[in-house]
Amino acid sequence: LDASYGLLFTRIFEDVDTTGDNAIGFDEFVMAHAKLGRGKLRDKLLYIFSIFDTDGDGKLEKDEAVELIRSMSSSFARFIIAIYNNPSDPRSPSHVKRKKDKAKV
């Protein structure tokens, strides 16, 4: 893993480890899955944004934006694409395409 990819997962791990015991229990795992695997696209993107907004001010300063871009240029981009293309999300392109295809029939 490159450094930015490792940093991203370190931040996610710290967020998921709600007990602060440096381990992820099953309940924490389930909550992380709910955050990242379900829900609306906007909520997922907001969560990802908050991972990079390290000072929590609701903005990405230059150093935070650079970190986001570095992560996006790594394998993290596949992570974002997977969320965006989640066919169960009504705003995902694959969901919209299926809906249009059904309307044509």
PDB file of N, CA and C in Angstrom:
ATOM      1  N   LEU A   1       0.833  -1.198   0.000  1.00  0.00           N
ATOM      2  CA  LEU A   1       0.000   0.000   0.000  1.00  0.00           C
ATOM      3  C   LEU A   1       0.867   1.247   0.000  1.00  0.00           C
ATOM      4  N   ASP A   2       0.454   2.262  -0.775  1.00  0.00           N
ATOM      5  CA  ASP A   2       1.202   3.498  -0.683  1.00  0.00           C
ATOM      6  C   ASP A   2       0.785   4.232   0.589  1.00  0.00           C
ATOM      7  N   ALA A   3       1.526   5.274   0.935  1.00  0.00           N
ATOM      8  CA  ALA A   3       1.319   5.958   2.218  1.00  0.00           C
ATOM      9  C   ALA A   3      -0.081   6.546   2.349  1.00  0.00           C
ATOM     10  N   SER A   4      -0.614   7.166   1.294  1.00  0.00           N
ATOM     11  CA  SER A   4      -1.934   7.788   1.397  1.00  0.00           C
ATOM     12  C   SER A   4      -3.028   6.746   1.567  1.00  0.00           C
ATOM     13  N   TYR A   5      -2.867   5.609   0.904  1.00  0.00           N
ATOM     14  CA  TYR A   5      -3.842   4.523   1.039  1.00  0.00           C
ATOM     15  C   TYR A   5      -3.838   4.002   2.468  1.00  0.00           C
ATOM     16  N   GLY A   6      -2.637   3.821   3.040  1.00  0.00           N
ATOM     17  CA  GLY A   6      -2.514   3.367   4.423  1.00  0.00           C
ATOM     18  C   GLY A   6      -3.099   4.366   5.399  1.00  0.00           C
ATOM     19  N   LEU A   7      -2.873   5.657   5.137  1.00  0.00           N
ATOM     20  CA  LEU A   7      -3.415   6.700   5.993  1.00  0.00           C
ATOM     21  C   LEU A   7      -4.936   6.703   5.955  1.00  0.00           C
ATOM     22  N   LEU A   8      -5.508   6.530   4.777  1.00  0.00           N
ATOM     23  CA  LEU A   8      -6.960   6.481   4.649  1.00  0.00           C
ATOM     24  C   LEU A   8      -7.541   5.362   5.508  1.00  0.00           C
ATOM     25  N   PHE A   9      -6.977   4.165   5.373  1.00  0.00           N
ATOM     26  CA  PHE A   9      -7.525   3.049   6.131  1.00  0.00           C
ATOM     27  C   PHE A   9      -7.249   3.182   7.619  1.00  0.00           C
ATOM     28  N   THR A  10      -6.163   3.848   7.980  1.00  0.00           N
ATOM     29  CA  THR A  10      -5.918   4.138   9.397  1.00  0.00           C
ATOM     30  C   THR A  10      -7.022   5.031   9.938  1.00  0.00           C
ATOM     31  N   ARG A  11      -7.387   6.056   9.174  1.00  0.00           N
ATOM     32  CA  ARG A  11      -8.462   6.972   9.602  1.00  0.00           C
ATOM     33  C   ARG A  11      -9.802   6.245   9.693  1.00  0.00           C
ATOM     34  N   ILE A  12     -10.100   5.418   8.714  1.00  0.00           N
ATOM     35  CA  ILE A  12     -11.355   4.660   8.765  1.00  0.00           C
ATOM     36  C   ILE A  12     -11.349   3.718   9.960  1.00  0.00           C
ATOM     37  N   PHE A  13     -10.212   3.036  10.187  1.00  0.00           N
ATOM     38  CA  PHE A  13     -10.109   2.124  11.326  1.00  0.00           C
ATOM     39  C   PHE A  13     -10.366   2.873  12.628  1.00  0.00           C
ATOM     40  N   GLU A  14      -9.753   4.038  12.782  1.00  0.00           N
ATOM     41  CA  GLU A  14      -9.937   4.821  14.009  1.00  0.00           C
ATOM     42  C   GLU A  14     -11.396   5.235  14.180  1.00  0.00           C
ATOM     43  N   ASP A  15     -12.075   5.539  13.090  1.00  0.00           N
ATOM     44  CA  ASP A  15     -13.483   5.906  13.163  1.00  0.00           C
ATOM     45  C   ASP A  15     -14.349   4.706  13.536  1.00  0.00           C
ATOM     46  N   VAL A  16     -14.031   3.555  12.965  1.00  0.00           N
ATOM     47  CA  VAL A  16     -14.813   2.339  13.219  1.00  0.00           C
ATOM     48  C   VAL A  16     -14.581   1.819  14.635  1.00  0.00           C
ATOM     49  N   ASP A  17     -13.371   1.959  15.148  1.00  0.00           N
ATOM     50  CA  ASP A  17     -13.012   1.479  16.489  1.00  0.00           C
ATOM     51  C   ASP A  17     -13.584   2.429  17.541  1.00  0.00           C
ATOM     52  N   THR A  18     -14.891   2.371  17.742  1.00  0.00           N
ATOM     53  CA  THR A  18     -15.569   3.303  18.648  1.00  0.00           C
ATOM     54  C   THR A  18     -15.210   3.094  20.111  1.00  0.00           C
ATOM     55  N   THR A  19     -14.752   1.895  20.463  1.00  0.00           N
ATOM     56  CA  THR A  19     -14.368   1.637  21.852  1.00  0.00           C
ATOM     57  C   THR A  19     -12.947   2.089  22.145  1.00  0.00           C
ATOM     58  N   GLY A  20     -12.162   2.353  21.102  1.00  0.00           N
ATOM     59  CA  GLY A  20     -10.793   2.815  21.287  1.00  0.00           C
ATOM     60  C   GLY A  20      -9.845   1.742  21.783  1.00  0.00           C
ATOM     61  N   ASP A  21     -10.195   0.475  21.584  1.00  0.00           N
ATOM     62  CA  ASP A  21      -9.347  -0.613  22.089  1.00  0.00           C
ATOM     63  C   ASP A  21      -8.370  -1.138  21.035  1.00  0.00           C
ATOM     64  N   ASN A  22      -8.249  -0.410  19.917  1.00  0.00           N
ATOM     65  CA  ASN A  22      -7.350  -0.776  18.827  1.00  0.00           C
ATOM     66  C   ASN A  22      -7.697  -2.128  18.197  1.00  0.00           C
ATOM     67  N   ALA A  23      -8.980  -2.444  18.232  1.00  0.00           N
ATOM     68  CA  ALA A  23      -9.503  -3.668  17.622  1.00  0.00           C
ATOM     69  C   ALA A  23     -10.938  -3.374  17.186  1.00  0.00           C
ATOM     70  N   ILE A  24     -11.399  -4.107  16.187  1.00  0.00           N
ATOM     71  CA  ILE A  24     -12.767  -3.930  15.717  1.00  0.00           C
ATOM     72  C   ILE A  24     -13.579  -5.146  16.103  1.00  0.00           C
ATOM     73  N   GLY A  25     -14.542  -4.924  16.988  1.00  0.00           N
ATOM     74  CA  GLY A  25     -15.446  -5.991  17.396  1.00  0.00           C
ATOM     75  C   GLY A  25     -16.539  -6.183  16.360  1.00  0.00           C
ATOM     76  N   PHE A  26     -17.308  -7.237  16.524  1.00  0.00           N
ATOM     77  CA  PHE A  26     -18.351  -7.548  15.550  1.00  0.00           C
ATOM     78  C   PHE A  26     -19.361  -6.411  15.428  1.00  0.00           C
ATOM     79  N   ASP A  27     -19.809  -5.839  16.550  1.00  0.00           N
ATOM     80  CA  ASP A  27     -20.785  -4.747  16.491  1.00  0.00           C
ATOM     81  C   ASP A  27     -20.223  -3.542  15.739  1.00  0.00           C
ATOM     82  N   GLU A  28     -18.944  -3.242  15.949  1.00  0.00           N
ATOM     83  CA  GLU A  28     -18.306  -2.146  15.232  1.00  0.00           C
ATOM     84  C   GLU A  28     -18.226  -2.469  13.734  1.00  0.00           C
ATOM     85  N   PHE A  29     -17.933  -3.709  13.428  1.00  0.00           N
ATOM     86  CA  PHE A  29     -17.871  -4.156  12.040  1.00  0.00           C
ATOM     87  C   PHE A  29     -19.229  -3.977  11.357  1.00  0.00           C
ATOM     88  N   VAL A  30     -20.294  -4.356  12.050  1.00  0.00           N
ATOM     89  CA  VAL A  30     -21.648  -4.224  11.499  1.00  0.00           C
ATOM     90  C   VAL A  30     -21.974  -2.747  11.256  1.00  0.00           C
ATOM     91  N   MET A  31     -21.603  -1.890  12.198  1.00  0.00           N
ATOM     92  CA  MET A  31     -21.863  -0.454  12.045  1.00  0.00           C
ATOM     93  C   MET A  31     -21.075   0.111  10.861  1.00  0.00           C
ATOM     94  N   ALA A  32     -19.827  -0.323  10.694  1.00  0.00           N
ATOM     95  CA  ALA A  32     -19.007   0.140   9.569  1.00  0.00           C
ATOM     96  C   ALA A  32     -19.629  -0.302   8.253  1.00  0.00           C
ATOM     97  N   HIS A  33     -20.108  -1.526   8.218  1.00  0.00           N
ATOM     98  CA  HIS A  33     -20.761  -2.020   7.000  1.00  0.00           C
ATOM     99  C   HIS A  33     -21.988  -1.177   6.678  1.00  0.00           C
ATOM    100  N   ALA A  34     -22.741  -0.828   7.704  1.00  0.00           N
ATOM    101  CA  ALA A  34     -23.931  -0.005   7.486  1.00  0.00           C
ATOM    102  C   ALA A  34     -23.545   1.364   6.923  1.00  0.00           C
ATOM    103  N   LYS A  35     -22.447   1.944   7.424  1.00  0.00           N
ATOM    104  CA  LYS A  35     -21.997   3.251   6.938  1.00  0.00           C
ATOM    105  C   LYS A  35     -21.524   3.182   5.498  1.00  0.00           C
ATOM    106  N   LEU A  36     -20.757   2.167   5.179  1.00  0.00           N
ATOM    107  CA  LEU A  36     -20.087   2.108   3.884  1.00  0.00           C
ATOM    108  C   LEU A  36     -20.811   1.254   2.860  1.00  0.00           C
ATOM    109  N   GLY A  37     -21.637   0.332   3.296  1.00  0.00           N
ATOM    110  CA  GLY A  37     -22.267  -0.588   2.360  1.00  0.00           C
ATOM    111  C   GLY A  37     -23.713  -0.293   2.065  1.00  0.00           C
ATOM    112  N   ARG A  38     -24.330   0.487   2.902  1.00  0.00           N
ATOM    113  CA  ARG A  38     -25.753   0.792   2.726  1.00  0.00           C
ATOM    114  C   ARG A  38     -25.952   2.292   2.802  1.00  0.00           C
ATOM    115  N   GLY A  39     -27.154   2.707   2.677  1.00  0.00           N
ATOM    116  CA  GLY A  39     -27.438   4.128   2.799  1.00  0.00           C
ATOM    117  C   GLY A  39     -27.373   4.846   1.468  1.00  0.00           C
ATOM    118  N   LYS A  40     -27.627   6.127   1.550  1.00  0.00           N
ATOM    119  CA  LYS A  40     -27.680   6.959   0.356  1.00  0.00           C
ATOM    120  C   LYS A  40     -26.271   7.356  -0.071  1.00  0.00           C
ATOM    121  N   LEU A  41     -26.115   7.570  -1.354  1.00  0.00           N
ATOM    122  CA  LEU A  41     -24.831   7.976  -1.913  1.00  0.00           C
ATOM    123  C   LEU A  41     -24.317   9.238  -1.233  1.00  0.00           C
ATOM    124  N   ARG A  42     -25.178  10.192  -1.004  1.00  0.00           N
ATOM    125  CA  ARG A  42     -24.767  11.446  -0.349  1.00  0.00           C
ATOM    126  C   ARG A  42     -24.174  11.172   1.015  1.00  0.00           C
ATOM    127  N   ASP A  43     -24.774  10.275   1.786  1.00  0.00           N
ATOM    128  CA  ASP A  43     -24.265   9.945   3.117  1.00  0.00           C
ATOM    129  C   ASP A  43     -22.891   9.289   3.034  1.00  0.00           C
ATOM    130  N   LYS A  44     -22.707   8.425   2.038  1.00  0.00           N
ATOM    131  CA  LYS A  44     -21.407   7.766   1.868  1.00  0.00           C
ATOM    132  C   LYS A  44     -20.332   8.780   1.496  1.00  0.00           C
ATOM    133  N   LEU A  45     -20.681   9.675   0.577  1.00  0.00           N
ATOM    134  CA  LEU A  45     -19.714  10.695   0.169  1.00  0.00           C
ATOM    135  C   LEU A  45     -19.400  11.650   1.315  1.00  0.00           C
ATOM    136  N   LEU A  46     -20.408  11.976   2.113  1.00  0.00           N
ATOM    137  CA  LEU A  46     -20.180  12.825   3.285  1.00  0.00           C
ATOM    138  C   LEU A  46     -19.237  12.144   4.272  1.00  0.00           C
ATOM    139  N   TYR A  47     -19.405  10.843   4.460  1.00  0.00           N
ATOM    140  CA  TYR A  47     -18.509  10.088   5.343  1.00  0.00           C
ATOM    141  C   TYR A  47     -17.077  10.124   4.809  1.00  0.00           C
ATOM    142  N   ILE A  48     -16.925   9.879   3.515  1.00  0.00           N
ATOM    143  CA  ILE A  48     -15.588   9.904   2.919  1.00  0.00           C
ATOM    144  C   ILE A  48     -14.985  11.303   3.040  1.00  0.00           C
ATOM    145  N   PHE A  49     -15.790  12.326   2.781  1.00  0.00           N
ATOM    146  CA  PHE A  49     -15.326  13.704   2.935  1.00  0.00           C
ATOM    147  C   PHE A  49     -14.828  13.937   4.361  1.00  0.00           C
ATOM    148  N   SER A  50     -15.585  13.459   5.337  1.00  0.00           N
ATOM    149  CA  SER A  50     -15.205  13.692   6.738  1.00  0.00           C
ATOM    150  C   SER A  50     -13.898  12.996   7.104  1.00  0.00           C
ATOM    151  N   ILE A  51     -13.582  11.898   6.418  1.00  0.00           N
ATOM    152  CA  ILE A  51     -12.307  11.206   6.658  1.00  0.00           C
ATOM    153  C   ILE A  51     -11.141  12.132   6.303  1.00  0.00           C
ATOM    154  N   PHE A  52     -11.302  12.925   5.256  1.00  0.00           N
ATOM    155  CA  PHE A  52     -10.232  13.817   4.803  1.00  0.00           C
ATOM    156  C   PHE A  52     -10.281  15.185   5.461  1.00  0.00           C
ATOM    157  N   ASP A  53     -11.435  15.569   5.990  1.00  0.00           N
ATOM    158  CA  ASP A  53     -11.575  16.846   6.698  1.00  0.00           C
ATOM    159  C   ASP A  53     -11.057  16.654   8.120  1.00  0.00           C
ATOM    160  N   THR A  54      -9.731  16.588   8.243  1.00  0.00           N
ATOM    161  CA  THR A  54      -9.124  16.185   9.518  1.00  0.00           C
ATOM    162  C   THR A  54      -9.344  17.180  10.643  1.00  0.00           C
ATOM    163  N   ASP A  55      -9.557  18.456  10.322  1.00  0.00           N
ATOM    164  CA  ASP A  55      -9.805  19.424  11.389  1.00  0.00           C
ATOM    165  C   ASP A  55     -11.289  19.607  11.670  1.00  0.00           C
ATOM    166  N   GLY A  56     -12.138  18.931  10.884  1.00  0.00           N
ATOM    167  CA  GLY A  56     -13.579  18.931  11.144  1.00  0.00           C
ATOM    168  C   GLY A  56     -14.279  20.252  10.905  1.00  0.00           C
ATOM    169  N   ASP A  57     -13.708  21.126  10.059  1.00  0.00           N
ATOM    170  CA  ASP A  57     -14.322  22.431   9.838  1.00  0.00           C
ATOM    171  C   ASP A  57     -15.327  22.452   8.688  1.00  0.00           C
ATOM    172  N   GLY A  58     -15.560  21.289   8.053  1.00  0.00           N
ATOM    173  CA  GLY A  58     -16.514  21.223   6.958  1.00  0.00           C
ATOM    174  C   GLY A  58     -15.953  21.682   5.627  1.00  0.00           C
ATOM    175  N   LYS A  59     -14.645  21.897   5.578  1.00  0.00           N
ATOM    176  CA  LYS A  59     -13.971  22.307   4.348  1.00  0.00           C
ATOM    177  C   LYS A  59     -12.705  21.482   4.196  1.00  0.00           C
ATOM    178  N   LEU A  60     -12.267  21.317   2.944  1.00  0.00           N
ATOM    179  CA  LEU A  60     -10.985  20.672   2.705  1.00  0.00           C
ATOM    180  C   LEU A  60      -9.959  21.758   2.403  1.00  0.00           C
ATOM    181  N   GLU A  61      -9.027  21.957   3.350  1.00  0.00           N
ATOM    182  CA  GLU A  61      -7.925  22.871   3.090  1.00  0.00           C
ATOM    183  C   GLU A  61      -7.003  22.216   2.066  1.00  0.00           C
ATOM    184  N   LYS A  62      -6.047  22.990   1.574  1.00  0.00           N
ATOM    185  CA  LYS A  62      -5.191  22.498   0.502  1.00  0.00           C
ATOM    186  C   LYS A  62      -4.539  21.169   0.862  1.00  0.00           C
ATOM    187  N   ASP A  63      -3.967  21.038   2.059  1.00  0.00           N
ATOM    188  CA  ASP A  63      -3.286  19.787   2.435  1.00  0.00           C
ATOM    189  C   ASP A  63      -4.266  18.622   2.521  1.00  0.00           C
ATOM    190  N   GLU A  64      -5.492  18.888   2.966  1.00  0.00           N
ATOM    191  CA  GLU A  64      -6.507  17.838   3.033  1.00  0.00           C
ATOM    192  C   GLU A  64      -6.956  17.434   1.631  1.00  0.00           C
ATOM    193  N   ALA A  65      -7.115  18.414   0.749  1.00  0.00           N
ATOM    194  CA  ALA A  65      -7.511  18.128  -0.631  1.00  0.00           C
ATOM    195  C   ALA A  65      -6.415  17.349  -1.358  1.00  0.00           C
ATOM    196  N   VAL A  66      -5.172  17.712  -1.101  1.00  0.00           N
ATOM    197  CA  VAL A  66      -4.056  16.978  -1.704  1.00  0.00           C
ATOM    198  C   VAL A  66      -4.093  15.525  -1.248  1.00  0.00           C
ATOM    199  N   GLU A  67      -4.365  15.295   0.023  1.00  0.00           N
ATOM    200  CA  GLU A  67      -4.459  13.931   0.553  1.00  0.00           C
ATOM    201  C   GLU A  67      -5.597  13.174  -0.125  1.00  0.00           C
ATOM    202  N   LEU A  68      -6.723  13.837  -0.333  1.00  0.00           N
ATOM    203  CA  LEU A  68      -7.853  13.215  -1.033  1.00  0.00           C
ATOM    204  C   LEU A  68      -7.447  12.835  -2.457  1.00  0.00           C
ATOM    205  N   ILE A  69      -6.805  13.750  -3.153  1.00  0.00           N
ATOM    206  CA  ILE A  69      -6.396  13.486  -4.541  1.00  0.00           C
ATOM    207  C   ILE A  69      -5.393  12.341  -4.590  1.00  0.00           C
ATOM    208  N   ARG A  70      -4.447  12.319  -3.658  1.00  0.00           N
ATOM    209  CA  ARG A  70      -3.483  11.219  -3.622  1.00  0.00           C
ATOM    210  C   ARG A  70      -4.195   9.890  -3.425  1.00  0.00           C
ATOM    211  N   SER A  71      -5.154   9.866  -2.538  1.00  0.00           N
ATOM    212  CA  SER A  71      -5.893   8.634  -2.278  1.00  0.00           C
ATOM    213  C   SER A  71      -6.741   8.242  -3.482  1.00  0.00           C
ATOM    214  N   MET A  72      -7.330   9.250  -4.134  1.00  0.00           N
ATOM    215  CA  MET A  72      -8.150   8.965  -5.306  1.00  0.00           C
ATOM    216  C   MET A  72      -7.307   8.390  -6.437  1.00  0.00           C
ATOM    217  N   SER A  73      -6.046   8.792  -6.495  1.00  0.00           N
ATOM    218  CA  SER A  73      -5.202   8.293  -7.571  1.00  0.00           C
ATOM    219  C   SER A  73      -4.670   6.895  -7.267  1.00  0.00           C
ATOM    220  N   SER A  74      -4.903   6.424  -6.066  1.00  0.00           N
ATOM    221  CA  SER A  74      -4.480   5.072  -5.694  1.00  0.00           C
ATOM    222  C   SER A  74      -5.665   4.125  -5.833  1.00  0.00           C
ATOM    223  N   SER A  75      -5.581   3.008  -5.232  1.00  0.00           N
ATOM    224  CA  SER A  75      -6.656   2.022  -5.280  1.00  0.00           C
ATOM    225  C   SER A  75      -7.935   2.520  -4.619  1.00  0.00           C
ATOM    226  N   PHE A  76      -7.846   3.599  -3.854  1.00  0.00           N
ATOM    227  CA  PHE A  76      -9.037   4.156  -3.209  1.00  0.00           C
ATOM    228  C   PHE A  76     -10.072   4.571  -4.255  1.00  0.00           C
ATOM    229  N   ALA A  77      -9.610   4.941  -5.437  1.00  0.00           N
ATOM    230  CA  ALA A  77     -10.548   5.312  -6.492  1.00  0.00           C
ATOM    231  C   ALA A  77     -11.512   4.166  -6.780  1.00  0.00           C
ATOM    232  N   ARG A  78     -11.019   2.934  -6.738  1.00  0.00           N
ATOM    233  CA  ARG A  78     -11.902   1.779  -6.961  1.00  0.00           C
ATOM    234  C   ARG A  78     -12.965   1.691  -5.864  1.00  0.00           C
ATOM    235  N   PHE A  79     -12.600   2.066  -4.638  1.00  0.00           N
ATOM    236  CA  PHE A  79     -13.529   2.065  -3.512  1.00  0.00           C
ATOM    237  C   PHE A  79     -14.671   3.058  -3.772  1.00  0.00           C
ATOM    238  N   ILE A  80     -14.335   4.268  -4.214  1.00  0.00           N
ATOM    239  CA  ILE A  80     -15.336   5.286  -4.512  1.00  0.00           C
ATOM    240  C   ILE A  80     -16.231   4.817  -5.662  1.00  0.00           C
ATOM    241  N   ILE A  81     -15.627   4.278  -6.701  1.00  0.00           N
ATOM    242  CA  ILE A  81     -16.391   3.810  -7.855  1.00  0.00           C
ATOM    243  C   ILE A  81     -17.356   2.704  -7.452  1.00  0.00           C
ATOM    244  N   ALA A  82     -16.920   1.816  -6.574  1.00  0.00           N
ATOM    245  CA  ALA A  82     -17.794   0.726  -6.118  1.00  0.00           C
ATOM    246  C   ALA A  82     -19.008   1.277  -5.388  1.00  0.00           C
ATOM    247  N   ILE A  83     -18.805   2.300  -4.567  1.00  0.00           N
ATOM    248  CA  ILE A  83     -19.936   2.918  -3.864  1.00  0.00           C
ATOM    249  C   ILE A  83     -20.867   3.582  -4.872  1.00  0.00           C
ATOM    250  N   TYR A  84     -20.294   4.337  -5.787  1.00  0.00           N
ATOM    251  CA  TYR A  84     -21.092   5.080  -6.755  1.00  0.00           C
ATOM    252  C   TYR A  84     -21.887   4.146  -7.661  1.00  0.00           C
ATOM    253  N   ASN A  85     -21.311   3.034  -7.996  1.00  0.00           N
ATOM    254  CA  ASN A  85     -21.969   2.099  -8.907  1.00  0.00           C
ATOM    255  C   ASN A  85     -22.793   1.035  -8.200  1.00  0.00           C
ATOM    256  N   ASN A  86     -23.066   1.222  -6.936  1.00  0.00           N
ATOM    257  CA  ASN A  86     -23.883   0.272  -6.182  1.00  0.00           C
ATOM    258  C   ASN A  86     -25.272   0.218  -6.823  1.00  0.00           C
ATOM    259  N   PRO A  87     -25.637  -0.896  -7.443  1.00  0.00           N
ATOM    260  CA  PRO A  87     -26.908  -0.959  -8.173  1.00  0.00           C
ATOM    261  C   PRO A  87     -28.136  -0.797  -7.286  1.00  0.00           C
ATOM    262  N   SER A  88     -27.997  -0.976  -5.989  1.00  0.00           N
ATOM    263  CA  SER A  88     -29.160  -0.812  -5.111  1.00  0.00           C
ATOM    264  C   SER A  88     -29.403   0.656  -4.759  1.00  0.00           C
ATOM    265  N   ASP A  89     -28.438   1.520  -5.025  1.00  0.00           N
ATOM    266  CA  ASP A  89     -28.614   2.949  -4.766  1.00  0.00           C
ATOM    267  C   ASP A  89     -29.385   3.546  -5.935  1.00  0.00           C
ATOM    268  N   PRO A  90     -30.540   4.164  -5.688  1.00  0.00           N
ATOM    269  CA  PRO A  90     -31.369   4.665  -6.786  1.00  0.00           C
ATOM    270  C   PRO A  90     -30.690   5.735  -7.641  1.00  0.00           C
ATOM    271  N   ARG A  91     -29.618   6.363  -7.141  1.00  0.00           N
ATOM    272  CA  ARG A  91     -28.913   7.373  -7.931  1.00  0.00           C
ATOM    273  C   ARG A  91     -27.697   6.825  -8.650  1.00  0.00           C
ATOM    274  N   SER A  92     -27.409   5.556  -8.473  1.00  0.00           N
ATOM    275  CA  SER A  92     -26.251   4.984  -9.160  1.00  0.00           C
ATOM    276  C   SER A  92     -26.564   4.855 -10.641  1.00  0.00           C
ATOM    277  N   PRO A  93     -25.550   5.016 -11.485  1.00  0.00           N
ATOM    278  CA  PRO A  93     -25.799   4.907 -12.927  1.00  0.00           C
ATOM    279  C   PRO A  93     -26.404   3.566 -13.332  1.00  0.00           C
ATOM    280  N   SER A  94     -25.973   2.484 -12.707  1.00  0.00           N
ATOM    281  CA  SER A  94     -26.509   1.179 -13.089  1.00  0.00           C
ATOM    282  C   SER A  94     -27.983   1.052 -12.721  1.00  0.00           C
ATOM    283  N   HIS A  95     -28.395   1.638 -11.616  1.00  0.00           N
ATOM    284  CA  HIS A  95     -29.803   1.600 -11.210  1.00  0.00           C
ATOM    285  C   HIS A  95     -30.655   2.432 -12.175  1.00  0.00           C
ATOM    286  N   VAL A  96     -30.173   3.624 -12.509  1.00  0.00           N
ATOM    287  CA  VAL A  96     -30.901   4.506 -13.424  1.00  0.00           C
ATOM    288  C   VAL A  96     -31.042   3.849 -14.791  1.00  0.00           C
ATOM    289  N   LYS A  97     -29.968   3.212 -15.284  1.00  0.00           N
ATOM    290  CA  LYS A  97     -30.012   2.540 -16.589  1.00  0.00           C
ATOM    291  C   LYS A  97     -31.056   1.422 -16.587  1.00  0.00           C
ATOM    292  N   ARG A  98     -31.086   0.601 -15.529  1.00  0.00           N
ATOM    293  CA  ARG A  98     -32.077  -0.482 -15.467  1.00  0.00           C
ATOM    294  C   ARG A  98     -33.486   0.095 -15.470  1.00  0.00           C
ATOM    295  N   LYS A  99     -33.680   1.192 -14.762  1.00  0.00           N
ATOM    296  CA  LYS A  99     -35.007   1.807 -14.701  1.00  0.00           C
ATOM    297  C   LYS A  99     -35.438   2.311 -16.086  1.00  0.00           C
ATOM    298  N   LYS A 100     -34.501   2.945 -16.831  1.00  0.00           N
ATOM    299  CA  LYS A 100     -34.799   3.421 -18.176  1.00  0.00           C
ATOM    300  C   LYS A 100     -35.073   2.257 -19.121  1.00  0.00           C
ATOM    301  N   ASP A 101     -34.282   1.182 -19.009  1.00  0.00           N
ATOM    302  CA  ASP A 101     -34.473   0.003 -19.862  1.00  0.00           C
ATOM    303  C   ASP A 101     -35.849  -0.621 -19.639  1.00  0.00           C
ATOM    304  N   LYS A 102     -36.288  -0.680 -18.387  1.00  0.00           N
ATOM    305  CA  LYS A 102     -37.618  -1.223 -18.086  1.00  0.00           C
ATOM    306  C   LYS A 102     -38.710  -0.341 -18.675  1.00  0.00           C
ATOM    307  N   ALA A 103     -38.492   0.975 -18.677  1.00  0.00           N
ATOM    308  CA  ALA A 103     -39.491   1.904 -19.197  1.00  0.00           C
ATOM    309  C   ALA A 103     -39.663   1.763 -20.708  1.00  0.00           C
ATOM    310  N   LYS A 104     -38.597   1.328 -21.398  1.00  0.00           N
ATOM    311  CA  LYS A 104     -38.657   1.163 -22.854  1.00  0.00           C
ATOM    312  C   LYS A 104     -39.463  -0.055 -23.252  1.00  0.00           C
ATOM    313  N   VAL A 105     -39.548  -1.042 -22.362  1.00  0.00           N
ATOM    314  CA  VAL A 105     -40.217  -2.305 -22.695  1.00  0.00           C
ATOM    315  C   VAL A 105     -41.707  -2.159 -22.663  1.00  0.00           C
TER     316      VAL A 105
END
